[in-house]
């Protein structure tokens, strides 16, 4: 792709990010780090990278599960066929990401909005389920310790029912 075409795509991305009123910053000459605000997961970091022929999308979601890895990865894979623009992926250490590519010709402000909306929906929507599956024992131990030591439970409230189950 020519420098002019790359410039057009980067301009489109920058305009879309500004219109969406998201926290973002350039990373190098043709990449952008975007912070997507969520409800369950406070922020999802997403990197948009303009390549020669495609826009690469990558978002970190979760560290490698401490337990039930096969169950976590199976849960992710079962959802991949119903996803838009990105799919679930793991790296060499087992950390969980969303990753994908779309042709540069499809990069419009509306498409950037749709892609980032999909990333946010998948990362935020799956976050608590993934934590329960992959870190359930730690969550329950932390809940029990805080209750026993009369410590605040505010940041664990999303897991109250889960943490107290079978306690």
Protein backbone atom coordinates (compact mmCIF):
# COMPACT_ATOMS: atom_id res chain seq x y z
CA UNK A 1 0.00 0.00 0.00
CA UNK A 2 1.27 3.46 -0.80
CA UNK A 3 2.22 6.03 1.80
CA UNK A 4 -0.75 8.16 0.70
CA UNK A 5 -3.18 5.28 1.20
CA UNK A 6 -1.68 4.51 4.61
CA UNK A 7 -2.02 8.19 5.50
CA UNK A 8 -5.70 8.10 4.45
CA UNK A 9 -6.35 5.08 6.69
CA UNK A 10 -4.51 6.57 9.66
CA UNK A 11 -6.41 9.83 9.20
CA UNK A 12 -9.70 7.90 9.13
CA UNK A 13 -8.75 6.03 12.32
CA UNK A 14 -7.70 9.20 14.13
CA UNK A 15 -10.92 10.98 13.14
CA UNK A 16 -13.02 8.00 14.24
CA UNK A 17 -11.24 7.77 17.61
CA UNK A 18 -11.70 11.50 18.20
CA UNK A 19 -15.41 11.27 17.32
CA UNK A 20 -15.85 8.30 19.65
CA UNK A 21 -14.33 10.34 22.47
CA UNK A 22 -12.05 7.49 23.52
CA UNK A 23 -8.75 7.71 25.33
CA UNK A 24 -6.09 6.90 22.73
CA UNK A 25 -2.54 7.65 21.67
CA UNK A 26 -0.39 6.91 18.64
CA UNK A 27 2.16 4.13 18.99
CA UNK A 28 4.77 4.64 16.31
CA UNK A 29 3.78 5.86 12.87
CA UNK A 30 0.77 3.69 12.03
CA UNK A 31 -0.52 2.16 15.26
CA UNK A 32 -2.86 3.31 18.01
CA UNK A 33 -3.36 2.27 21.61
CA UNK A 34 -7.01 2.69 22.56
CA UNK A 35 -8.48 2.36 26.07
CA UNK A 36 -12.01 0.96 25.89
CA UNK A 37 -13.98 1.70 29.08
CA UNK A 38 -16.08 -1.21 30.32
CA UNK A 39 -18.36 -2.19 33.15
CA UNK A 40 -16.96 -5.52 34.38
CA UNK A 41 -13.45 -4.91 33.14
CA UNK A 42 -12.63 -1.27 33.83
CA UNK A 43 -10.53 -0.80 30.68
CA UNK A 44 -9.58 -2.98 27.77
CA UNK A 45 -6.38 -1.99 26.00
CA UNK A 46 -6.74 -2.38 22.24
CA UNK A 47 -4.00 -1.85 19.66
CA UNK A 48 -4.91 -0.95 16.07
CA UNK A 49 -2.01 -1.39 13.64
CA UNK A 50 -2.15 -0.33 10.00
CA UNK A 51 -0.29 -2.86 7.88
CA UNK A 52 0.38 -3.05 4.16
CA UNK A 53 -2.98 -4.66 3.40
CA UNK A 54 -4.92 -4.99 6.64
CA UNK A 55 -5.73 -3.34 9.93
CA UNK A 56 -4.62 -5.60 12.78
CA UNK A 57 -6.65 -5.52 15.99
CA UNK A 58 -5.28 -6.89 19.25
CA UNK A 59 -6.64 -6.56 22.77
CA UNK A 60 -5.31 -8.11 25.96
CA UNK A 61 -8.11 -9.64 28.04
CA UNK A 62 -6.76 -11.95 30.75
CA UNK A 63 -3.57 -13.45 32.15
CA UNK A 64 -3.16 -17.20 31.77
CA UNK A 65 -5.76 -18.99 33.90
CA UNK A 66 -4.50 -20.48 37.17
CA UNK A 67 -6.92 -23.40 36.91
CA UNK A 68 -9.31 -25.06 34.46
CA UNK A 69 -7.23 -23.98 31.45
CA UNK A 70 -8.83 -26.51 29.13
CA UNK A 71 -12.31 -25.40 30.21
CA UNK A 72 -11.43 -21.72 29.73
CA UNK A 73 -9.92 -22.29 26.29
CA UNK A 74 -12.83 -24.51 25.25
CA UNK A 75 -15.29 -21.81 26.34
CA UNK A 76 -13.40 -19.28 24.20
CA UNK A 77 -13.14 -21.49 21.13
CA UNK A 78 -16.85 -22.30 21.18
CA UNK A 79 -17.57 -18.59 20.72
CA UNK A 80 -15.10 -17.84 17.91
CA UNK A 81 -17.43 -18.69 15.03
CA UNK A 82 -20.02 -16.13 16.18
CA UNK A 83 -17.65 -13.19 16.52
CA UNK A 84 -17.10 -10.13 14.36
CA UNK A 85 -13.66 -8.94 13.19
CA UNK A 86 -11.73 -10.60 16.03
CA UNK A 87 -11.50 -14.00 17.63
CA UNK A 88 -10.16 -15.37 20.88
CA UNK A 89 -6.47 -16.22 20.92
CA UNK A 90 -3.80 -17.21 23.44
CA UNK A 91 -0.08 -16.49 23.42
CA UNK A 92 2.78 -18.79 24.34
CA UNK A 93 2.23 -18.27 28.06
CA UNK A 94 -1.53 -18.87 27.87
CA UNK A 95 -2.59 -15.21 28.22
CA UNK A 96 -5.93 -14.52 26.53
CA UNK A 97 -6.34 -11.94 23.75
CA UNK A 98 -8.78 -10.86 21.10
CA UNK A 99 -7.08 -10.65 17.71
CA UNK A 100 -8.09 -10.11 14.13
CA UNK A 101 -7.50 -8.42 10.81
CA UNK A 102 -9.74 -6.50 8.45
CA UNK A 103 -8.89 -5.27 4.94
CA UNK A 104 -7.74 -1.66 4.81
CA UNK A 105 -10.38 -0.96 2.16
CA UNK A 106 -13.08 -1.59 4.80
CA UNK A 107 -11.68 0.93 7.29
CA UNK A 108 -14.27 3.66 7.74
CA UNK A 109 -15.28 5.59 10.86
CA UNK A 110 -18.39 3.40 11.19
CA UNK A 111 -16.29 0.24 10.83
CA UNK A 112 -13.82 1.41 13.50
CA UNK A 113 -16.78 2.04 15.81
CA UNK A 114 -18.19 -1.42 15.05
CA UNK A 115 -14.85 -3.17 15.55
CA UNK A 116 -14.08 -1.41 18.83
CA UNK A 117 -17.66 -2.05 20.00
CA UNK A 118 -17.21 -5.75 19.26
CA UNK A 119 -13.88 -5.87 21.11
CA UNK A 120 -15.42 -4.16 24.12
CA UNK A 121 -18.51 -6.39 24.10
CA UNK A 122 -16.44 -9.59 23.92
CA UNK A 123 -13.79 -8.56 26.49
CA UNK A 124 -16.17 -6.95 28.97
CA UNK A 125 -19.00 -9.44 28.52
CA UNK A 126 -16.79 -12.48 29.06
CA UNK A 127 -14.57 -11.08 31.81
CA UNK A 128 -16.37 -12.29 34.95
CA UNK A 129 -17.09 -15.72 33.46
CA UNK A 130 -13.43 -16.10 32.54
CA UNK A 131 -12.31 -15.00 36.01
CA UNK A 132 -14.65 -17.49 37.69
CA UNK A 133 -13.49 -20.33 35.43
CA UNK A 134 -9.78 -19.54 35.49
CA UNK A 135 -9.30 -17.98 38.92
CA UNK A 136 -12.27 -19.25 40.96
CA UNK A 137 -10.25 -20.73 43.81
CA UNK A 138 -8.28 -17.51 44.26
CA UNK A 139 -11.46 -15.41 44.22
CA UNK A 140 -13.06 -17.63 46.87
CA UNK A 141 -9.91 -17.56 49.04
CA UNK A 142 -9.69 -13.78 48.79
CA UNK A 143 -13.38 -13.39 49.65
CA UNK A 144 -13.06 -15.68 52.68
CA UNK A 145 -9.92 -13.88 53.89
CA UNK A 146 -11.59 -10.47 53.60
CA UNK A 147 -14.71 -11.65 55.43
CA UNK A 148 -12.62 -13.26 58.19
CA UNK A 149 -10.46 -10.13 58.59
CA UNK A 150 -13.34 -7.65 58.27
CA UNK A 151 -11.85 -6.13 55.10
CA UNK A 152 -13.77 -4.28 52.36
CA UNK A 153 -15.45 -6.41 49.70
CA UNK A 154 -16.42 -3.59 47.31
CA UNK A 155 -14.18 -4.59 44.41
CA UNK A 156 -15.28 -8.24 44.70
CA UNK A 157 -19.04 -7.59 44.74
CA UNK A 158 -19.43 -8.87 41.18
CA UNK A 159 -18.39 -12.27 42.56
CA UNK A 160 -20.41 -12.26 45.79
CA UNK A 161 -22.77 -15.06 44.79
CA UNK A 162 -19.98 -17.10 43.25
CA UNK A 163 -17.56 -16.57 46.17
CA UNK A 164 -20.13 -17.60 48.76
CA UNK A 165 -21.28 -20.67 46.84
CA UNK A 166 -20.15 -23.90 48.53
CA UNK A 167 -18.46 -21.85 51.26
